[in-house]
Amino acid sequence: MGGIADVAKRAGVSKATASRALTGAGYVSPTTRQKVVSAARELGYVASTSAVSLATGRTRNVGVIMPYVNRWFFAEVLEGIQRSLLERDLDLTLYDAKPGTVGRQRIFDDYLARKRFDGLIAVGLEPADHEIERMHAIDRPVVMIVGDEGTTCTVGIDDDHAVRRATEHLIGLGHTDIAFLGGGGADWAMVDRRRLSGYEAAMAEAGLADRAQHVQSEVTLPGGYAAAADLLGDTRRPTAVVGVCDEVAIGAMIAARRLGIRVPSELSVVGIDDHEFAEMFSLTTLEQIPREQGSAAVDLLLQQIAQPDRPPVDVRLKARLVVRASTAPPDTRA
């Protein structure tokens, strides 16, 4: 493997020009840059990350912080982020910030302050006030996926639109007794609140506000199962359920089947996400494609890095209704 001097000699330029061409630190004509890049490739030369950083002030590294790395949504988002970064020859540093842990506190109080990245993507965080301040204090562009718009750039689905589509789908089939399952408690997530609000608005617009019902549950498959088992055990049970997410909706389907309630002839169920299990359970859902959100976040972050003074941008993607076999008109014989 040759050094920078060998690359410069083969390309017929000075070492300084070769360095500028490979690091991006200063102007080099496109023709000269291509000659240098070709020479470096032929010699197997790769500019070191530290050299590029010294020359440009950039680390060519993006920080990603998320509360979970082993849950479906977060894993899919991470896949989209990584794919987009690799396409641009950029590195990734992942911070696993589980809520309520000492590790999360150290990430916000120490690791982020080291600024080992050019920008930060925060995924699905419900940050406390001091954590938001920490992210702004690092003086690096920040993009949030499933975050609160206004203070930073955000990417996510239009939760109001998604839940309205889910609820309107059931109303269109003839259902009037529709329950919203999931979320609640003292510390439930902002995204779950938005989805409940969309459900309540759709019910009100259909003249069904007095029939709206929110059943609280943990936003997990077991949580959905437990809450649905209690809800469906009542003789005055609803004919349809909107799950705050697919995992809750699938939990409700399992509870219904164990209670001898047929899906969809006796109970229709709609979820949101298009989880990897949705097809297996034939669940009607709103597809949000988390990988696309990850890719969109990278695009937005790189724009912010290139133009630090750009005002915050809020990108809300529209989820697509995917109709499967978990919804049908209500049984009029009931």
C-alpha atoms as a PDB file:
ATOM      1  CA  MET A   1       0.000   0.000   0.000  1.00  0.00           C
ATOM      2  CA  GLY A   2       1.397   3.411  -1.009  1.00  0.00           C
ATOM      3  CA  GLY A   3       1.394   6.634   0.977  1.00  0.00           C
ATOM      4  CA  ILE A   4       0.087  10.067   0.082  1.00  0.00           C
ATOM      5  CA  ALA A   5       3.377  10.884  -1.656  1.00  0.00           C
ATOM      6  CA  ASP A   6       2.982   7.846  -3.918  1.00  0.00           C
ATOM      7  CA  VAL A   7      -0.603   8.834  -4.712  1.00  0.00           C
ATOM      8  CA  ALA A   8       0.501  12.371  -5.586  1.00  0.00           C
ATOM      9  CA  LYS A   9       3.302  11.094  -7.820  1.00  0.00           C
ATOM     10  CA  ARG A  10       1.023   8.708  -9.727  1.00  0.00           C
ATOM     11  CA  ALA A  11      -1.633  11.392 -10.195  1.00  0.00           C
ATOM     12  CA  GLY A  12       0.978  13.973 -11.248  1.00  0.00           C
ATOM     13  CA  VAL A  13       0.087  16.488  -8.534  1.00  0.00           C
ATOM     14  CA  SER A  14       1.622  17.840  -5.350  1.00  0.00           C
ATOM     15  CA  LYS A  15       1.138  16.165  -1.975  1.00  0.00           C
ATOM     16  CA  ALA A  16      -0.943  19.131  -0.817  1.00  0.00           C
ATOM     17  CA  THR A  17      -3.276  18.820  -3.814  1.00  0.00           C
ATOM     18  CA  ALA A  18      -3.599  15.064  -3.307  1.00  0.00           C
ATOM     19  CA  SER A  19      -4.448  15.619   0.348  1.00  0.00           C
ATOM     20  CA  ARG A  20      -7.090  18.233  -0.484  1.00  0.00           C
ATOM     21  CA  ALA A  21      -8.632  15.944  -3.074  1.00  0.00           C
ATOM     22  CA  LEU A  22      -8.942  13.011  -0.661  1.00  0.00           C
ATOM     23  CA  THR A  23     -10.019  14.916   2.461  1.00  0.00           C
ATOM     24  CA  GLY A  24     -12.241  17.588   0.923  1.00  0.00           C
ATOM     25  CA  ALA A  25     -10.279  20.327   2.711  1.00  0.00           C
ATOM     26  CA  GLY A  26     -10.068  22.996   0.016  1.00  0.00           C
ATOM     27  CA  TYR A  27     -10.918  23.351  -3.650  1.00  0.00           C
ATOM     28  CA  VAL A  28      -9.702  20.857  -6.238  1.00  0.00           C
ATOM     29  CA  SER A  29     -11.055  20.705  -9.782  1.00  0.00           C
ATOM     30  CA  PRO A  30     -13.294  17.699 -10.532  1.00  0.00           C
ATOM     31  CA  THR A  31     -10.801  16.401 -13.103  1.00  0.00           C
ATOM     32  CA  THR A  32      -7.877  16.562 -10.683  1.00  0.00           C
ATOM     33  CA  ARG A  33      -9.946  15.030  -7.863  1.00  0.00           C
ATOM     34  CA  GLN A  34     -10.854  12.090 -10.101  1.00  0.00           C
ATOM     35  CA  LYS A  35      -7.184  11.554 -11.060  1.00  0.00           C
ATOM     36  CA  VAL A  36      -6.176  11.512  -7.381  1.00  0.00           C
ATOM     37  CA  VAL A  37      -9.029   9.205  -6.352  1.00  0.00           C
ATOM     38  CA  SER A  38      -8.159   6.794  -9.185  1.00  0.00           C
ATOM     39  CA  ALA A  39      -4.494   6.805  -8.181  1.00  0.00           C
ATOM     40  CA  ALA A  40      -5.389   6.158  -4.531  1.00  0.00           C
ATOM     41  CA  ARG A  41      -7.643   3.272  -5.533  1.00  0.00           C
ATOM     42  CA  GLU A  42      -4.919   1.717  -7.703  1.00  0.00           C
ATOM     43  CA  LEU A  43      -2.432   1.937  -4.832  1.00  0.00           C
ATOM     44  CA  GLY A  44      -4.911   0.803  -2.180  1.00  0.00           C
ATOM     45  CA  TYR A  45      -4.495   4.065  -0.269  1.00  0.00           C
ATOM     46  CA  VAL A  46      -7.231   5.192   2.147  1.00  0.00           C
ATOM     47  CA  ALA A  47      -7.035   8.536   3.967  1.00  0.00           C
ATOM     48  CA  SER A  48      -7.149   7.964   7.722  1.00  0.00           C
ATOM     49  CA  THR A  49     -10.199   9.186   9.607  1.00  0.00           C
ATOM     50  CA  SER A  50      -8.028  11.289  11.903  1.00  0.00           C
ATOM     51  CA  ALA A  51      -6.350  12.971   8.950  1.00  0.00           C
ATOM     52  CA  VAL A  52      -9.696  13.809   7.368  1.00  0.00           C
ATOM     53  CA  SER A  53     -10.949  15.123  10.702  1.00  0.00           C
ATOM     54  CA  LEU A  54      -7.925  17.386  11.167  1.00  0.00           C
ATOM     55  CA  ALA A  55      -8.247  18.699   7.637  1.00  0.00           C
ATOM     56  CA  THR A  56     -11.998  19.321   7.578  1.00  0.00           C
ATOM     57  CA  GLY A  57     -13.037  19.619  11.234  1.00  0.00           C
ATOM     58  CA  ARG A  58     -15.472  16.758  10.599  1.00  0.00           C
ATOM     59  CA  THR A  59     -15.406  13.310  12.195  1.00  0.00           C
ATOM     60  CA  ARG A  60     -17.461  11.676   9.392  1.00  0.00           C
ATOM     61  CA  ASN A  61     -19.282   9.938  12.215  1.00  0.00           C
ATOM     62  CA  VAL A  62     -22.950  10.168  13.223  1.00  0.00           C
ATOM     63  CA  GLY A  63     -24.185   9.424  16.736  1.00  0.00           C
ATOM     64  CA  VAL A  64     -27.428   7.463  17.162  1.00  0.00           C
ATOM     65  CA  ILE A  65     -29.151   7.297  20.533  1.00  0.00           C
ATOM     66  CA  MET A  66     -32.206   5.121  21.242  1.00  0.00           C
ATOM     67  CA  PRO A  67     -33.847   3.586  24.338  1.00  0.00           C
ATOM     68  CA  TYR A  68     -33.925   0.039  22.969  1.00  0.00           C
ATOM     69  CA  VAL A  69     -31.961  -1.768  20.290  1.00  0.00           C
ATOM     70  CA  ASN A  70     -33.715  -5.153  20.518  1.00  0.00           C
ATOM     71  CA  ARG A  71     -37.270  -4.044  19.739  1.00  0.00           C
ATOM     72  CA  TRP A  72     -38.645  -4.304  16.225  1.00  0.00           C
ATOM     73  CA  PHE A  73     -39.246  -0.615  15.488  1.00  0.00           C
ATOM     74  CA  PHE A  74     -35.859   0.526  16.754  1.00  0.00           C
ATOM     75  CA  ALA A  75     -33.990  -2.285  15.002  1.00  0.00           C
ATOM     76  CA  GLU A  76     -35.689  -1.393  11.706  1.00  0.00           C
ATOM     77  CA  VAL A  77     -34.933   2.319  12.099  1.00  0.00           C
ATOM     78  CA  LEU A  78     -31.299   1.498  12.881  1.00  0.00           C
ATOM     79  CA  GLU A  79     -31.110  -0.640   9.738  1.00  0.00           C
ATOM     80  CA  GLY A  80     -32.298   2.310   7.643  1.00  0.00           C
ATOM     81  CA  ILE A  81     -29.846   4.701   9.294  1.00  0.00           C
ATOM     82  CA  GLN A  82     -26.895   2.377   8.871  1.00  0.00           C
ATOM     83  CA  ARG A  83     -27.683   1.635   5.242  1.00  0.00           C
ATOM     84  CA  SER A  84     -27.879   5.346   4.401  1.00  0.00           C
ATOM     85  CA  LEU A  85     -24.648   6.124   6.245  1.00  0.00           C
ATOM     86  CA  LEU A  86     -22.753   3.287   4.570  1.00  0.00           C
ATOM     87  CA  GLU A  87     -23.862   4.565   1.166  1.00  0.00           C
ATOM     88  CA  ARG A  88     -22.162   7.856   2.054  1.00  0.00           C
ATOM     89  CA  ASP A  89     -19.061   6.249   3.580  1.00  0.00           C
ATOM     90  CA  LEU A  90     -19.927   7.557   7.058  1.00  0.00           C
ATOM     91  CA  ASP A  91     -19.407   5.880  10.437  1.00  0.00           C
ATOM     92  CA  LEU A  92     -21.970   5.310  13.182  1.00  0.00           C
ATOM     93  CA  THR A  93     -21.687   5.381  16.984  1.00  0.00           C
ATOM     94  CA  LEU A  94     -24.653   3.775  18.756  1.00  0.00           C
ATOM     95  CA  TYR A  95     -25.763   4.752  22.273  1.00  0.00           C
ATOM     96  CA  ASP A  96     -28.212   2.382  24.002  1.00  0.00           C
ATOM     97  CA  ALA A  97     -30.001   4.710  26.459  1.00  0.00           C
ATOM     98  CA  LYS A  98     -32.445   2.519  28.357  1.00  0.00           C
ATOM     99  CA  PRO A  99     -34.858   4.643  30.435  1.00  0.00           C
ATOM    100  CA  GLY A 100     -34.100   4.946  34.137  1.00  0.00           C
ATOM    101  CA  THR A 101     -30.594   3.475  33.948  1.00  0.00           C
ATOM    102  CA  VAL A 102     -27.235   4.795  35.102  1.00  0.00           C
ATOM    103  CA  GLY A 103     -25.951   4.161  31.589  1.00  0.00           C
ATOM    104  CA  ARG A 104     -28.483   6.580  30.128  1.00  0.00           C
ATOM    105  CA  GLN A 105     -27.446   9.261  32.603  1.00  0.00           C
ATOM    106  CA  ARG A 106     -23.778   8.802  31.678  1.00  0.00           C
ATOM    107  CA  ILE A 107     -24.606   9.037  27.974  1.00  0.00           C
ATOM    108  CA  PHE A 108     -26.322  12.412  28.383  1.00  0.00           C
ATOM    109  CA  ASP A 109     -23.959  13.806  31.026  1.00  0.00           C
ATOM    110  CA  ASP A 110     -20.639  12.564  29.639  1.00  0.00           C
ATOM    111  CA  TYR A 111     -20.480  10.743  26.317  1.00  0.00           C
ATOM    112  CA  LEU A 112     -22.462  13.231  24.238  1.00  0.00           C
ATOM    113  CA  ALA A 113     -20.305  16.075  25.541  1.00  0.00           C
ATOM    114  CA  ARG A 114     -17.226  14.473  23.959  1.00  0.00           C
ATOM    115  CA  LYS A 115     -18.622  15.385  20.527  1.00  0.00           C
ATOM    116  CA  ARG A 116     -17.214  12.388  18.715  1.00  0.00           C
ATOM    117  CA  PHE A 117     -19.730  12.875  15.922  1.00  0.00           C
ATOM    118  CA  ASP A 118     -20.814  15.522  13.413  1.00  0.00           C
ATOM    119  CA  GLY A 119     -24.498  15.178  14.288  1.00  0.00           C
ATOM    120  CA  LEU A 120     -26.915  13.163  16.393  1.00  0.00           C
ATOM    121  CA  ILE A 121     -30.041  11.142  15.564  1.00  0.00           C
ATOM    122  CA  ALA A 122     -32.252  10.468  18.608  1.00  0.00           C
ATOM    123  CA  VAL A 123     -34.816   7.711  18.061  1.00  0.00           C
ATOM    124  CA  GLY A 124     -38.040   7.347  20.043  1.00  0.00           C
ATOM    125  CA  LEU A 125     -36.806   9.215  23.105  1.00  0.00           C
ATOM    126  CA  GLU A 126     -39.022  10.770  25.750  1.00  0.00           C
ATOM    127  CA  PRO A 127     -36.223  12.992  27.051  1.00  0.00           C
ATOM    128  CA  ALA A 128     -36.469  14.860  30.322  1.00  0.00           C
ATOM    129  CA  ASP A 129     -35.933  18.609  30.207  1.00  0.00           C
ATOM    130  CA  HIS A 130     -32.272  18.373  31.215  1.00  0.00           C
ATOM    131  CA  GLU A 131     -31.669  15.735  28.519  1.00  0.00           C
ATOM    132  CA  ILE A 132     -33.053  18.031  25.839  1.00  0.00           C
ATOM    133  CA  GLU A 133     -30.736  20.742  27.142  1.00  0.00           C
ATOM    134  CA  ARG A 134     -27.781  18.330  26.966  1.00  0.00           C
ATOM    135  CA  MET A 135     -28.527  17.522  23.331  1.00  0.00           C
ATOM    136  CA  HIS A 136     -28.726  21.198  22.397  1.00  0.00           C
ATOM    137  CA  ALA A 137     -25.574  21.982  24.406  1.00  0.00           C
ATOM    138  CA  ILE A 138     -23.340  19.701  22.322  1.00  0.00           C
ATOM    139  CA  ASP A 139     -23.510  22.296  19.538  1.00  0.00           C
ATOM    140  CA  ARG A 140     -24.112  19.648  16.889  1.00  0.00           C
ATOM    141  CA  PRO A 141     -27.149  19.232  14.611  1.00  0.00           C
ATOM    142  CA  VAL A 142     -29.821  16.951  16.113  1.00  0.00           C
ATOM    143  CA  VAL A 143     -32.619  15.079  14.331  1.00  0.00           C
ATOM    144  CA  MET A 144     -35.279  13.207  16.286  1.00  0.00           C
ATOM    145  CA  ILE A 145     -37.303  10.264  14.999  1.00  0.00           C
ATOM    146  CA  VAL A 146     -40.691  10.135  16.738  1.00  0.00           C
ATOM    147  CA  GLY A 147     -39.927  13.308  18.651  1.00  0.00           C
ATOM    148  CA  ASP A 148     -41.575  16.579  19.572  1.00  0.00           C
ATOM    149  CA  GLU A 149     -41.460  19.013  16.699  1.00  0.00           C
ATOM    150  CA  GLY A 150     -40.366  22.626  17.134  1.00  0.00           C
ATOM    151  CA  THR A 151     -37.039  22.550  18.964  1.00  0.00           C
ATOM    152  CA  THR A 152     -35.205  20.144  16.634  1.00  0.00           C
ATOM    153  CA  CYS A 153     -35.671  18.579  13.223  1.00  0.00           C
ATOM    154  CA  THR A 154     -38.028  15.608  13.468  1.00  0.00           C
ATOM    155  CA  VAL A 155     -39.013  12.636  11.321  1.00  0.00           C
ATOM    156  CA  GLY A 156     -41.957  10.319  11.921  1.00  0.00           C
ATOM    157  CA  ILE A 157     -45.325   9.232  10.658  1.00  0.00           C
ATOM    158  CA  ASP A 158     -48.389  11.438  10.858  1.00  0.00           C
ATOM    159  CA  ASP A 159     -49.875   9.698  13.904  1.00  0.00           C
ATOM    160  CA  ASP A 160     -53.146  11.601  13.726  1.00  0.00           C
ATOM    161  CA  HIS A 161     -53.624  10.595  10.084  1.00  0.00           C
ATOM    162  CA  ALA A 162     -52.711   6.954  10.784  1.00  0.00           C
ATOM    163  CA  VAL A 163     -55.169   6.490  13.647  1.00  0.00           C
ATOM    164  CA  ARG A 164     -57.918   8.338  11.814  1.00  0.00           C
ATOM    165  CA  ARG A 165     -57.476   5.964   8.864  1.00  0.00           C
ATOM    166  CA  ALA A 166     -57.607   2.953  11.195  1.00  0.00           C
ATOM    167  CA  THR A 167     -60.734   4.203  12.979  1.00  0.00           C
ATOM    168  CA  GLU A 168     -62.451   5.333   9.777  1.00  0.00           C
ATOM    169  CA  HIS A 169     -61.773   1.923   8.226  1.00  0.00           C
ATOM    170  CA  LEU A 170     -63.716   0.283  11.056  1.00  0.00           C
ATOM    171  CA  ILE A 171     -66.505   2.878  10.937  1.00  0.00           C
ATOM    172  CA  GLY A 172     -66.757   2.339   7.182  1.00  0.00           C
ATOM    173  CA  LEU A 173     -67.329  -1.361   7.803  1.00  0.00           C
ATOM    174  CA  GLY A 174     -70.264  -0.481  10.052  1.00  0.00           C
ATOM    175  CA  HIS A 175     -68.695  -0.591  13.531  1.00  0.00           C
ATOM    176  CA  THR A 176     -69.886   1.906  16.130  1.00  0.00           C
ATOM    177  CA  ASP A 177     -68.553   0.298  19.328  1.00  0.00           C
ATOM    178  CA  ILE A 178     -64.815   0.766  18.815  1.00  0.00           C
ATOM    179  CA  ALA A 179     -62.318   0.761  21.673  1.00  0.00           C
ATOM    180  CA  PHE A 180     -58.796   2.207  21.645  1.00  0.00           C
ATOM    181  CA  LEU A 181     -56.357  -0.132  23.352  1.00  0.00           C
ATOM    182  CA  GLY A 182     -52.940   0.870  24.727  1.00  0.00           C
ATOM    183  CA  GLY A 183     -51.024   3.634  26.464  1.00  0.00           C
ATOM    184  CA  GLY A 184     -51.946   5.441  29.637  1.00  0.00           C
ATOM    185  CA  GLY A 185     -50.518   5.896  33.086  1.00  0.00           C
ATOM    186  CA  ALA A 186     -48.319   8.639  34.470  1.00  0.00           C
ATOM    187  CA  ASP A 187     -45.467   8.349  31.970  1.00  0.00           C
ATOM    188  CA  TRP A 188     -47.002   7.184  28.718  1.00  0.00           C
ATOM    189  CA  ALA A 189     -45.339   8.187  25.494  1.00  0.00           C
ATOM    190  CA  MET A 190     -46.107  11.310  23.523  1.00  0.00           C
ATOM    191  CA  VAL A 191     -46.724   9.287  20.353  1.00  0.00           C
ATOM    192  CA  ASP A 192     -49.375   7.206  22.154  1.00  0.00           C
ATOM    193  CA  ARG A 193     -51.109  10.377  23.310  1.00  0.00           C
ATOM    194  CA  ARG A 194     -51.201  11.650  19.727  1.00  0.00           C
ATOM    195  CA  ARG A 195     -52.692   8.376  18.519  1.00  0.00           C
ATOM    196  CA  LEU A 196     -55.395   8.424  21.184  1.00  0.00           C
ATOM    197  CA  SER A 197     -56.225  12.009  20.223  1.00  0.00           C
ATOM    198  CA  GLY A 198     -56.604  10.992  16.559  1.00  0.00           C
ATOM    199  CA  TYR A 199     -58.931   8.139  17.505  1.00  0.00           C
ATOM    200  CA  GLU A 200     -61.100  10.419  19.651  1.00  0.00           C
ATOM    201  CA  ALA A 201     -61.295  12.985  16.843  1.00  0.00           C
ATOM    202  CA  ALA A 202     -62.367  10.359  14.293  1.00  0.00           C
ATOM    203  CA  MET A 203     -65.041   9.012  16.641  1.00  0.00           C
ATOM    204  CA  ALA A 204     -66.342  12.542  17.324  1.00  0.00           C
ATOM    205  CA  GLU A 205     -66.482  13.423  13.625  1.00  0.00           C
ATOM    206  CA  ALA A 206     -68.547  10.272  13.014  1.00  0.00           C
ATOM    207  CA  GLY A 207     -70.981  11.241  15.785  1.00  0.00           C
ATOM    208  CA  LEU A 208     -69.678   8.463  18.047  1.00  0.00           C
ATOM    209  CA  ALA A 209     -67.949  10.530  20.734  1.00  0.00           C
ATOM    210  CA  ASP A 210     -70.189   9.090  23.446  1.00  0.00           C
ATOM    211  CA  ARG A 211     -69.060   5.576  22.467  1.00  0.00           C
ATOM    212  CA  ALA A 212     -65.332   6.299  22.502  1.00  0.00           C
ATOM    213  CA  GLN A 213     -63.496   4.100  24.996  1.00  0.00           C
ATOM    214  CA  HIS A 214     -59.813   4.114  25.948  1.00  0.00           C
ATOM    215  CA  VAL A 215     -58.492   0.979  27.641  1.00  0.00           C
ATOM    216  CA  GLN A 216     -55.063   1.509  29.172  1.00  0.00           C
ATOM    217  CA  SER A 217     -52.303  -1.057  28.746  1.00  0.00           C
ATOM    218  CA  GLU A 218     -48.555  -1.375  28.498  1.00  0.00           C
ATOM    219  CA  VAL A 219     -47.425  -0.886  24.927  1.00  0.00           C
ATOM    220  CA  THR A 220     -46.297  -4.500  24.506  1.00  0.00           C
ATOM    221  CA  LEU A 221     -47.819  -7.732  23.240  1.00  0.00           C
ATOM    222  CA  PRO A 222     -48.349  -9.113  26.791  1.00  0.00           C
ATOM    223  CA  GLY A 223     -49.765  -5.748  27.846  1.00  0.00           C
ATOM    224  CA  GLY A 224     -52.273  -5.773  24.998  1.00  0.00           C
ATOM    225  CA  TYR A 225     -53.209  -9.359  25.798  1.00  0.00           C
ATOM    226  CA  ALA A 226     -53.862  -8.655  29.485  1.00  0.00           C
ATOM    227  CA  ALA A 227     -55.929  -5.516  28.858  1.00  0.00           C
ATOM    228  CA  ALA A 228     -57.929  -7.127  26.046  1.00  0.00           C
ATOM    229  CA  ALA A 229     -58.664 -10.237  28.107  1.00  0.00           C
ATOM    230  CA  ASP A 230     -60.303  -8.019  30.716  1.00  0.00           C
ATOM    231  CA  LEU A 231     -62.119  -5.862  28.148  1.00  0.00           C
ATOM    232  CA  LEU A 232     -63.441  -8.757  26.064  1.00  0.00           C
ATOM    233  CA  GLY A 233     -64.557 -10.735  29.096  1.00  0.00           C
ATOM    234  CA  ASP A 234     -67.389  -8.230  29.559  1.00  0.00           C
ATOM    235  CA  THR A 235     -70.686  -9.113  27.852  1.00  0.00           C
ATOM    236  CA  ARG A 236     -70.904  -5.507  26.604  1.00  0.00           C
ATOM    237  CA  ARG A 237     -67.635  -5.812  24.756  1.00  0.00           C
ATOM    238  CA  PRO A 238     -66.870  -3.655  21.684  1.00  0.00           C
ATOM    239  CA  THR A 239     -67.134  -5.058  18.171  1.00  0.00           C
ATOM    240  CA  ALA A 240     -63.803  -3.562  17.137  1.00  0.00           C
ATOM    241  CA  VAL A 241     -60.461  -2.524  18.626  1.00  0.00           C
ATOM    242  CA  VAL A 242     -57.808  -0.059  17.454  1.00  0.00           C
ATOM    243  CA  GLY A 243     -54.432  -0.991  18.940  1.00  0.00           C
ATOM    244  CA  VAL A 244     -52.001   1.823  19.696  1.00  0.00           C
ATOM    245  CA  CYS A 245     -49.455  -0.363  17.872  1.00  0.00           C
ATOM    246  CA  ASP A 246     -49.334  -3.787  16.226  1.00  0.00           C
ATOM    247  CA  GLU A 247     -47.937  -5.533  19.289  1.00  0.00           C
ATOM    248  CA  VAL A 248     -50.906  -4.416  21.399  1.00  0.00           C
ATOM    249  CA  ALA A 249     -53.301  -5.331  18.583  1.00  0.00           C
ATOM    250  CA  ILE A 250     -51.796  -8.811  18.227  1.00  0.00           C
ATOM    251  CA  GLY A 251     -52.072  -9.278  21.987  1.00  0.00           C
ATOM    252  CA  ALA A 252     -55.784  -8.421  21.688  1.00  0.00           C
ATOM    253  CA  MET A 253     -56.222 -10.985  18.895  1.00  0.00           C
ATOM    254  CA  ILE A 254     -54.629 -13.720  21.004  1.00  0.00           C
ATOM    255  CA  ALA A 255     -56.850 -12.809  23.967  1.00  0.00           C
ATOM    256  CA  ALA A 256     -59.958 -12.924  21.770  1.00  0.00           C
ATOM    257  CA  ARG A 257     -59.130 -16.351  20.400  1.00  0.00           C
ATOM    258  CA  ARG A 258     -58.487 -17.745  23.872  1.00  0.00           C
ATOM    259  CA  LEU A 259     -61.885 -16.418  24.958  1.00  0.00           C
ATOM    260  CA  GLY A 260     -63.551 -18.090  21.989  1.00  0.00           C
ATOM    261  CA  ILE A 261     -64.237 -14.792  20.230  1.00  0.00           C
ATOM    262  CA  ARG A 262     -63.755 -15.142  16.500  1.00  0.00           C
ATOM    263  CA  VAL A 263     -61.638 -12.600  14.633  1.00  0.00           C
ATOM    264  CA  PRO A 264     -62.906 -10.884  12.519  1.00  0.00           C
ATOM    265  CA  SER A 265     -66.537 -12.134  12.483  1.00  0.00           C
ATOM    266  CA  GLU A 266     -67.098 -11.235  16.160  1.00  0.00           C
ATOM    267  CA  LEU A 267     -64.244  -8.778  16.730  1.00  0.00           C
ATOM    268  CA  SER A 268     -62.325  -6.646  14.242  1.00  0.00           C
ATOM    269  CA  VAL A 269     -58.795  -5.535  15.141  1.00  0.00           C
ATOM    270  CA  VAL A 270     -56.571  -2.857  13.552  1.00  0.00           C
ATOM    271  CA  GLY A 271     -52.984  -2.031  14.511  1.00  0.00           C
ATOM    272  CA  ILE A 272     -50.369   0.564  13.543  1.00  0.00           C
ATOM    273  CA  ASP A 273     -46.805  -0.176  12.383  1.00  0.00           C
ATOM    274  CA  ASP A 274     -46.892  -3.223  10.070  1.00  0.00           C
ATOM    275  CA  HIS A 275     -44.734  -5.135  12.540  1.00  0.00           C
ATOM    276  CA  GLU A 276     -42.860  -8.176  11.259  1.00  0.00           C
ATOM    277  CA  PHE A 277     -45.541 -10.361  12.938  1.00  0.00           C
ATOM    278  CA  ALA A 278     -48.464  -8.507  11.293  1.00  0.00           C
ATOM    279  CA  GLU A 279     -48.556 -10.668   8.172  1.00  0.00           C
ATOM    280  CA  MET A 280     -48.321 -13.867  10.224  1.00  0.00           C
ATOM    281  CA  PHE A 281     -51.421 -12.847  12.219  1.00  0.00           C
ATOM    282  CA  SER A 282     -53.201 -11.455   9.116  1.00  0.00           C
ATOM    283  CA  LEU A 283     -53.484  -8.141  10.951  1.00  0.00           C
ATOM    284  CA  THR A 284     -54.980  -5.124   9.226  1.00  0.00           C
ATOM    285  CA  THR A 285     -52.620  -2.253   9.998  1.00  0.00           C
ATOM    286  CA  LEU A 286     -51.143   1.081   8.995  1.00  0.00           C
ATOM    287  CA  GLU A 287     -47.703   0.566   7.458  1.00  0.00           C
ATOM    288  CA  GLN A 288     -45.150   3.132   8.616  1.00  0.00           C
ATOM    289  CA  ILE A 289     -41.875   1.597   7.256  1.00  0.00           C
ATOM    290  CA  PRO A 290     -39.338   2.533   9.973  1.00  0.00           C
ATOM    291  CA  ARG A 291     -36.378   1.983   7.626  1.00  0.00           C
ATOM    292  CA  GLU A 292     -37.600   4.881   5.502  1.00  0.00           C
ATOM    293  CA  GLN A 293     -37.754   7.055   8.604  1.00  0.00           C
ATOM    294  CA  GLY A 294     -34.142   6.160   9.393  1.00  0.00           C
ATOM    295  CA  SER A 295     -33.061   7.035   5.870  1.00  0.00           C
ATOM    296  CA  ALA A 296     -35.027  10.298   5.923  1.00  0.00           C
ATOM    297  CA  ALA A 297     -33.409  11.236   9.242  1.00  0.00           C
ATOM    298  CA  VAL A 298     -29.922  10.778   7.756  1.00  0.00           C
ATOM    299  CA  ASP A 299     -30.813  12.975   4.771  1.00  0.00           C
ATOM    300  CA  LEU A 300     -32.178  15.666   7.071  1.00  0.00           C
ATOM    301  CA  LEU A 301     -29.166  15.503   9.406  1.00  0.00           C
ATOM    302  CA  LEU A 302     -26.666  15.857   6.569  1.00  0.00           C
ATOM    303  CA  GLN A 303     -28.560  18.914   5.331  1.00  0.00           C
ATOM    304  CA  GLN A 304     -28.320  20.387   8.832  1.00  0.00           C
ATOM    305  CA  ILE A 305     -24.589  19.620   9.014  1.00  0.00           C
ATOM    306  CA  ALA A 306     -24.031  21.360   5.665  1.00  0.00           C
ATOM    307  CA  GLN A 307     -26.265  24.319   6.654  1.00  0.00           C
ATOM    308  CA  PRO A 308     -26.185  24.694  10.469  1.00  0.00           C
ATOM    309  CA  ASP A 309     -28.416  27.790  10.390  1.00  0.00           C
ATOM    310  CA  ARG A 310     -31.350  26.038   8.721  1.00  0.00           C
ATOM    311  CA  PRO A 311     -34.547  26.318  10.795  1.00  0.00           C
ATOM    312  CA  PRO A 312     -35.965  23.072  12.286  1.00  0.00           C
ATOM    313  CA  VAL A 313     -37.902  20.923   9.814  1.00  0.00           C
ATOM    314  CA  ASP A 314     -40.725  18.531  10.727  1.00  0.00           C
ATOM    315  CA  VAL A 315     -41.148  15.617   8.295  1.00  0.00           C
ATOM    316  CA  ARG A 316     -44.320  13.544   8.773  1.00  0.00           C
ATOM    317  CA  LEU A 317     -44.684  10.541   6.485  1.00  0.00           C
ATOM    318  CA  LYS A 318     -48.132   9.158   5.654  1.00  0.00           C
ATOM    319  CA  ALA A 319     -48.769   5.575   6.752  1.00  0.00           C
ATOM    320  CA  ARG A 320     -50.470   3.261   4.242  1.00  0.00           C
ATOM    321  CA  LEU A 321     -53.526   1.184   5.183  1.00  0.00           C
ATOM    322  CA  VAL A 322     -52.858  -2.527   4.664  1.00  0.00           C
ATOM    323  CA  VAL A 323     -56.101  -4.520   4.816  1.00  0.00           C
ATOM    324  CA  ARG A 324     -55.721  -8.153   5.816  1.00  0.00           C
ATOM    325  CA  ALA A 325     -58.061 -10.643   7.472  1.00  0.00           C
ATOM    326  CA  SER A 326     -58.539  -9.146  10.963  1.00  0.00           C
ATOM    327  CA  THR A 327     -61.343  -6.737   9.995  1.00  0.00           C
ATOM    328  CA  ALA A 328     -64.880  -7.321   8.695  1.00  0.00           C
ATOM    329  CA  PRO A 329     -68.366  -5.840   9.096  1.00  0.00           C
ATOM    330  CA  PRO A 330     -69.887  -6.399  12.555  1.00  0.00           C
ATOM    331  CA  ASP A 331     -72.034  -9.453  13.161  1.00  0.00           C
ATOM    332  CA  THR A 332     -75.579  -8.047  13.074  1.00  0.00           C
ATOM    333  CA  ARG A 333     -76.879 -11.138  14.872  1.00  0.00           C
ATOM    334  CA  ALA A 334     -75.026 -10.212  18.066  1.00  0.00           C
END
